[in-house]
Amino acid sequence: MTLGTFSVTKVVTGLESVDNEFAFSYTCDNNVKGTLKVKADGSVTSGPELPVGTKCTIEEDDSPPRSRAHPGGARLPDGDHQ
């Protein structure tokens, strides 16, 4: 059986630091599911090895990003900022 993988990258500019991590969930047609933690600096995060031809859906989770400096994630409130 020939195996392959997929990868996810994310680049964030502006208020969100590149130290943040974002979660991406994947579900594949062979019942494989999981979550990848992806850094916002453009580095590549690889998924698991899967049989070639497997179809997967990848979605970014809606939760706030995780930060090393602020483990709960950090976002500015809505409104005017200077």
C-alpha atoms as a PDB file:
ATOM      1  CA  MET A   1       0.000   0.000   0.000  1.00  0.00           C
ATOM      2  CA  THR A   2       1.350   3.401  -0.980  1.00  0.00           C
ATOM      3  CA  LEU A   3       1.077   6.082   1.708  1.00  0.00           C
ATOM      4  CA  GLY A   4       1.008   9.859   1.470  1.00  0.00           C
ATOM      5  CA  THR A   5       0.253  12.805   3.696  1.00  0.00           C
ATOM      6  CA  PHE A   6      -1.129  16.336   3.591  1.00  0.00           C
ATOM      7  CA  SER A   7       0.189  19.546   5.092  1.00  0.00           C
ATOM      8  CA  VAL A   8      -1.220  22.799   6.460  1.00  0.00           C
ATOM      9  CA  THR A   9       0.418  26.224   6.670  1.00  0.00           C
ATOM     10  CA  LYS A  10      -0.846  29.540   8.040  1.00  0.00           C
ATOM     11  CA  VAL A  11       0.628  33.030   7.855  1.00  0.00           C
ATOM     12  CA  VAL A  12      -0.726  35.790  10.094  1.00  0.00           C
ATOM     13  CA  THR A  13       0.264  39.441   9.977  1.00  0.00           C
ATOM     14  CA  GLY A  14      -0.870  42.350  12.092  1.00  0.00           C
ATOM     15  CA  LEU A  15      -2.173  42.092  15.631  1.00  0.00           C
ATOM     16  CA  GLU A  16      -1.836  38.323  16.041  1.00  0.00           C
ATOM     17  CA  SER A  17       1.705  37.235  16.846  1.00  0.00           C
ATOM     18  CA  VAL A  18       3.542  34.579  14.881  1.00  0.00           C
ATOM     19  CA  ASP A  19       4.019  32.799  18.230  1.00  0.00           C
ATOM     20  CA  ASN A  20       0.333  31.849  18.130  1.00  0.00           C
ATOM     21  CA  GLU A  21      -0.839  28.367  17.241  1.00  0.00           C
ATOM     22  CA  PHE A  22      -4.062  27.656  15.388  1.00  0.00           C
ATOM     23  CA  ALA A  23      -5.989  24.374  15.430  1.00  0.00           C
ATOM     24  CA  PHE A  24      -7.136  22.659  12.247  1.00  0.00           C
ATOM     25  CA  SER A  25      -9.419  19.611  12.413  1.00  0.00           C
ATOM     26  CA  TYR A  26      -9.398  16.975   9.696  1.00  0.00           C
ATOM     27  CA  THR A  27     -11.806  14.166   8.859  1.00  0.00           C
ATOM     28  CA  CYS A  28     -10.949  11.611   6.208  1.00  0.00           C
ATOM     29  CA  ASP A  29     -13.151   9.192   4.267  1.00  0.00           C
ATOM     30  CA  ASN A  30     -11.399   6.211   5.925  1.00  0.00           C
ATOM     31  CA  ASN A  31     -12.667   7.322   9.396  1.00  0.00           C
ATOM     32  CA  VAL A  32      -9.359   8.934  10.393  1.00  0.00           C
ATOM     33  CA  LYS A  33      -9.929  12.164  12.350  1.00  0.00           C
ATOM     34  CA  GLY A  34      -7.644  14.484  14.248  1.00  0.00           C
ATOM     35  CA  THR A  35      -6.423  17.971  14.995  1.00  0.00           C
ATOM     36  CA  LEU A  36      -3.230  19.694  13.884  1.00  0.00           C
ATOM     37  CA  LYS A  37      -1.648  22.602  15.769  1.00  0.00           C
ATOM     38  CA  VAL A  38      -0.253  25.030  13.187  1.00  0.00           C
ATOM     39  CA  LYS A  39       2.070  27.944  13.934  1.00  0.00           C
ATOM     40  CA  ALA A  40       1.202  31.256  12.294  1.00  0.00           C
ATOM     41  CA  ASP A  41       4.715  31.788  10.923  1.00  0.00           C
ATOM     42  CA  GLY A  42       4.215  29.915   7.640  1.00  0.00           C
ATOM     43  CA  SER A  43       5.939  26.731   8.765  1.00  0.00           C
ATOM     44  CA  VAL A  44       4.542  23.442   7.449  1.00  0.00           C
ATOM     45  CA  THR A  45       2.648  21.045   9.727  1.00  0.00           C
ATOM     46  CA  SER A  46       2.100  17.564   8.284  1.00  0.00           C
ATOM     47  CA  GLY A  47      -0.874  15.315   8.853  1.00  0.00           C
ATOM     48  CA  PRO A  48      -0.711  11.556   9.380  1.00  0.00           C
ATOM     49  CA  GLU A  49       0.327   9.061   6.730  1.00  0.00           C
ATOM     50  CA  LEU A  50      -2.725   7.853   4.835  1.00  0.00           C
ATOM     51  CA  PRO A  51      -3.324   5.544   1.876  1.00  0.00           C
ATOM     52  CA  VAL A  52      -2.934   7.441  -1.406  1.00  0.00           C
ATOM     53  CA  GLY A  53      -6.375   8.454  -2.693  1.00  0.00           C
ATOM     54  CA  THR A  54      -7.845   9.117   0.753  1.00  0.00           C
ATOM     55  CA  LYS A  55     -10.027  12.244   0.740  1.00  0.00           C
ATOM     56  CA  CYS A  56      -9.893  14.546   3.761  1.00  0.00           C
ATOM     57  CA  THR A  57     -11.744  17.676   4.791  1.00  0.00           C
ATOM     58  CA  ILE A  58      -9.655  20.200   6.727  1.00  0.00           C
ATOM     59  CA  GLU A  59     -11.237  23.071   8.658  1.00  0.00           C
ATOM     60  CA  GLU A  60      -9.752  25.744  10.881  1.00  0.00           C
ATOM     61  CA  ASP A  61     -11.255  25.689  14.363  1.00  0.00           C
ATOM     62  CA  ASP A  62     -13.047  28.870  15.451  1.00  0.00           C
ATOM     63  CA  SER A  63     -11.438  29.058  18.893  1.00  0.00           C
ATOM     64  CA  PRO A  64      -8.962  31.902  19.630  1.00  0.00           C
ATOM     65  CA  PRO A  65      -5.315  31.168  18.793  1.00  0.00           C
ATOM     66  CA  ARG A  66      -3.075  29.655  21.456  1.00  0.00           C
ATOM     67  CA  SER A  67      -0.067  31.757  22.381  1.00  0.00           C
ATOM     68  CA  ARG A  68       3.069  30.789  24.288  1.00  0.00           C
ATOM     69  CA  ALA A  69       2.948  34.158  26.030  1.00  0.00           C
ATOM     70  CA  HIS A  70      -0.789  33.902  26.767  1.00  0.00           C
ATOM     71  CA  PRO A  71      -1.773  30.192  26.910  1.00  0.00           C
ATOM     72  CA  GLY A  72      -5.483  31.011  26.862  1.00  0.00           C
ATOM     73  CA  GLY A  73      -5.140  32.925  23.584  1.00  0.00           C
ATOM     74  CA  ALA A  74      -5.409  36.686  23.296  1.00  0.00           C
ATOM     75  CA  ARG A  75      -7.631  38.910  21.209  1.00  0.00           C
ATOM     76  CA  LEU A  76      -8.312  42.622  21.400  1.00  0.00           C
ATOM     77  CA  PRO A  77     -11.920  43.595  22.062  1.00  0.00           C
ATOM     78  CA  ASP A  78     -13.946  45.025  19.175  1.00  0.00           C
ATOM     79  CA  GLY A  79     -13.910  48.787  18.794  1.00  0.00           C
ATOM     80  CA  ASP A  80     -11.477  51.540  17.941  1.00  0.00           C
ATOM     81  CA  HIS A  81      -7.800  50.831  18.624  1.00  0.00           C
ATOM     82  CA  GLN A  82      -4.814  53.123  18.459  1.00  0.00           C
END
